[in-house]
C-alpha atoms as a PDB file:
ATOM      1  CA  UNK A   1     117.398 108.304  88.864  1.00  0.00           C
ATOM      2  CA  UNK A   2     119.789 106.131  91.073  1.00  0.00           C
ATOM      3  CA  UNK A   3     116.561 104.957  92.833  1.00  0.00           C
ATOM      4  CA  UNK A   4     114.837 104.128  89.517  1.00  0.00           C
ATOM      5  CA  UNK A   5     117.713 101.793  88.425  1.00  0.00           C
ATOM      6  CA  UNK A   6     118.340 100.207  91.775  1.00  0.00           C
ATOM      7  CA  UNK A   7     114.606  99.967  91.937  1.00  0.00           C
ATOM      8  CA  UNK A   8     114.882  98.314  88.464  1.00  0.00           C
ATOM      9  CA  UNK A   9     117.758  96.348  89.092  1.00  0.00           C
ATOM     10  CA  UNK A  10     116.277  94.582  92.164  1.00  0.00           C
ATOM     11  CA  UNK A  11     113.008  93.817  90.188  1.00  0.00           C
ATOM     12  CA  UNK A  12     115.120  92.084  87.475  1.00  0.00           C
ATOM     13  CA  UNK A  13     117.441  90.004  90.220  1.00  0.00           C
ATOM     14  CA  UNK A  14     114.418  89.025  92.008  1.00  0.00           C
ATOM     15  CA  UNK A  15     112.154  87.695  88.680  1.00  0.00           C
ATOM     16  CA  UNK A  16     115.619  86.128  87.599  1.00  0.00           C
ATOM     17  CA  UNK A  17     115.844  84.242  91.239  1.00  0.00           C
ATOM     18  CA  UNK A  18     112.490  82.926  90.803  1.00  0.00           C
ATOM     19  CA  UNK A  19     112.959  81.460  87.075  1.00  0.00           C
ATOM     20  CA  UNK A  20     116.546  79.785  88.513  1.00  0.00           C
ATOM     21  CA  UNK A  21     114.213  78.331  91.395  1.00  0.00           C
ATOM     22  CA  UNK A  22     111.665  76.874  88.983  1.00  0.00           C
ATOM     23  CA  UNK A  23     114.321  75.685  86.537  1.00  0.00           C
ATOM     24  CA  UNK A  24     116.260  73.969  88.973  1.00  0.00           C
ATOM     25  CA  UNK A  25     113.830  72.661  91.388  1.00  0.00           C
ATOM     26  CA  UNK A  26     112.055  70.943  88.110  1.00  0.00           C
ATOM     27  CA  UNK A  27     115.605  69.563  86.820  1.00  0.00           C
ATOM     28  CA  UNK A  28     116.005  67.528  89.642  1.00  0.00           C
ATOM     29  CA  UNK A  29     117.401  64.901  88.060  1.00  0.00           C
ATOM     30  CA  UNK A  30     120.253  66.603  85.454  1.00  0.00           C
ATOM     31  CA  UNK A  31     119.435  66.010  81.912  1.00  0.00           C
ATOM     32  CA  UNK A  32     119.098  68.072  79.104  1.00  0.00           C
ATOM     33  CA  UNK A  33     115.906  69.501  79.274  1.00  0.00           C
ATOM     34  CA  UNK A  34     114.101  73.022  76.846  1.00  0.00           C
ATOM     35  CA  UNK A  35     112.134  75.603  78.338  1.00  0.00           C
ATOM     36  CA  UNK A  36     108.319  74.249  77.667  1.00  0.00           C
ATOM     37  CA  UNK A  37     109.495  70.855  79.285  1.00  0.00           C
ATOM     38  CA  UNK A  38     110.697  72.319  82.427  1.00  0.00           C
ATOM     39  CA  UNK A  39     107.550  74.562  82.667  1.00  0.00           C
ATOM     40  CA  UNK A  40     105.555  71.362  82.344  1.00  0.00           C
ATOM     41  CA  UNK A  41     106.954  69.723  85.183  1.00  0.00           C
ATOM     42  CA  UNK A  42     106.602  73.385  87.164  1.00  0.00           C
ATOM     43  CA  UNK A  43     102.959  73.418  85.957  1.00  0.00           C
ATOM     44  CA  UNK A  44     102.319  70.092  87.433  1.00  0.00           C
ATOM     45  CA  UNK A  45     103.568  70.479  90.773  1.00  0.00           C
ATOM     46  CA  UNK A  46     101.773  73.938  90.783  1.00  0.00           C
ATOM     47  CA  UNK A  47     103.764  76.394  92.552  1.00  0.00           C
ATOM     48  CA  UNK A  48     107.541  77.766  93.829  1.00  0.00           C
ATOM     49  CA  UNK A  49     107.980  78.491  97.306  1.00  0.00           C
ATOM     50  CA  UNK A  50     109.963  81.046  98.220  1.00  0.00           C
ATOM     51  CA  UNK A  51     111.526  82.597 101.549  1.00  0.00           C
ATOM     52  CA  UNK A  52     113.185  85.734 101.630  1.00  0.00           C
ATOM     53  CA  UNK A  53     114.936  87.209 104.506  1.00  0.00           C
ATOM     54  CA  UNK A  54     113.577  90.175 105.030  1.00  0.00           C
ATOM     55  CA  UNK A  55     110.178  91.688 104.165  1.00  0.00           C
ATOM     56  CA  UNK A  56     108.281  90.293 101.257  1.00  0.00           C
ATOM     57  CA  UNK A  57     107.267  93.631  99.071  1.00  0.00           C
ATOM     58  CA  UNK A  58     110.743  93.323  97.106  1.00  0.00           C
ATOM     59  CA  UNK A  59     109.526  90.009  96.075  1.00  0.00           C
ATOM     60  CA  UNK A  60     106.126  90.457  95.363  1.00  0.00           C
ATOM     61  CA  UNK A  61     106.350  92.464  91.374  1.00  0.00           C
ATOM     62  CA  UNK A  62     108.684  89.362  90.371  1.00  0.00           C
ATOM     63  CA  UNK A  63     105.773  86.808  91.861  1.00  0.00           C
ATOM     64  CA  UNK A  64     103.299  88.175  90.432  1.00  0.00           C
ATOM     65  CA  UNK A  65     105.395  88.957  87.151  1.00  0.00           C
ATOM     66  CA  UNK A  66     106.193  85.409  87.216  1.00  0.00           C
ATOM     67  CA  UNK A  67     102.939  83.875  87.652  1.00  0.00           C
ATOM     68  CA  UNK A  68     101.775  85.559  85.030  1.00  0.00           C
ATOM     69  CA  UNK A  69     104.927  84.896  82.553  1.00  0.00           C
ATOM     70  CA  UNK A  70     104.262  81.260  83.124  1.00  0.00           C
ATOM     71  CA  UNK A  71     100.404  80.367  84.028  1.00  0.00           C
ATOM     72  CA  UNK A  72      99.773  77.593  86.122  1.00  0.00           C
ATOM     73  CA  UNK A  73     102.699  78.272  88.607  1.00  0.00           C
ATOM     74  CA  UNK A  74     101.597  80.481  91.610  1.00  0.00           C
ATOM     75  CA  UNK A  75     104.430  81.883  93.854  1.00  0.00           C
ATOM     76  CA  UNK A  76     104.472  81.553  97.696  1.00  0.00           C
ATOM     77  CA  UNK A  77     106.292  84.162  99.108  1.00  0.00           C
ATOM     78  CA  UNK A  78     107.370  84.219 103.002  1.00  0.00           C
ATOM     79  CA  UNK A  79     109.827  86.896 104.614  1.00  0.00           C
ATOM     80  CA  UNK A  80     110.891  87.058 107.888  1.00  0.00           C
ATOM     81  CA  UNK A  81     114.476  86.819 109.866  1.00  0.00           C
ATOM     82  CA  UNK A  82     116.662  84.996 108.340  1.00  0.00           C
ATOM     83  CA  UNK A  83     117.906  82.921 111.519  1.00  0.00           C
ATOM     84  CA  UNK A  84     114.170  81.783 111.520  1.00  0.00           C
ATOM     85  CA  UNK A  85     113.791  80.903 108.136  1.00  0.00           C
ATOM     86  CA  UNK A  86     117.065  78.736 107.857  1.00  0.00           C
ATOM     87  CA  UNK A  87     115.905  76.862 111.249  1.00  0.00           C
ATOM     88  CA  UNK A  88     112.611  76.519 109.180  1.00  0.00           C
ATOM     89  CA  UNK A  89     114.186  74.872 106.382  1.00  0.00           C
ATOM     90  CA  UNK A  90     116.736  72.946 108.874  1.00  0.00           C
ATOM     91  CA  UNK A  91     113.743  71.619 110.952  1.00  0.00           C
ATOM     92  CA  UNK A  92     112.089  70.628 106.904  1.00  0.00           C
ATOM     93  CA  UNK A  93     115.425  69.149 106.145  1.00  0.00           C
ATOM     94  CA  UNK A  94     115.408  66.742 109.071  1.00  0.00           C
ATOM     95  CA  UNK A  95     112.265  65.758 108.392  1.00  0.00           C
ATOM     96  CA  UNK A  96     112.589  64.725 104.954  1.00  0.00           C
ATOM     97  CA  UNK A  97     109.791  66.798 103.381  1.00  0.00           C
ATOM     98  CA  UNK A  98     111.729  70.040 102.223  1.00  0.00           C
ATOM     99  CA  UNK A  99     108.918  72.420 101.116  1.00  0.00           C
ATOM    100  CA  UNK A 100     111.076  75.564  99.775  1.00  0.00           C
ATOM    101  CA  UNK A 101     112.606  75.613  96.696  1.00  0.00           C
ATOM    102  CA  UNK A 102     114.311  79.056  96.554  1.00  0.00           C
ATOM    103  CA  UNK A 103     115.767  80.656  99.883  1.00  0.00           C
ATOM    104  CA  UNK A 104     117.147  83.946  99.576  1.00  0.00           C
ATOM    105  CA  UNK A 105     118.581  85.196 102.630  1.00  0.00           C
ATOM    106  CA  UNK A 106     121.454  88.149 103.199  1.00  0.00           C
ATOM    107  CA  UNK A 107     122.669  86.726 105.934  1.00  0.00           C
ATOM    108  CA  UNK A 108     122.965  83.508 108.037  1.00  0.00           C
END
């Protein structure tokens, strides 16, 4: 029973994190927008890129659910060691082309 609760909690947190990433990513200029306007901006871009410390399996269901709820917005999940993905983000920042929208690392 406790396992189901933890799995459900993780799934809910993953879905919330992806939604938050979409909202933050699409709302770069800080101004009031409704969810439909944010969805249209995300849909125009077409995808959300998530880096997750560890395996991708805990995020796969949430990514599929998100894409089903918001057609036209795919979710790309890249898993790996936090320090490796962190270095990848640093390189993207240094190069002036940030590819990732959301990073979830248990440690840095």
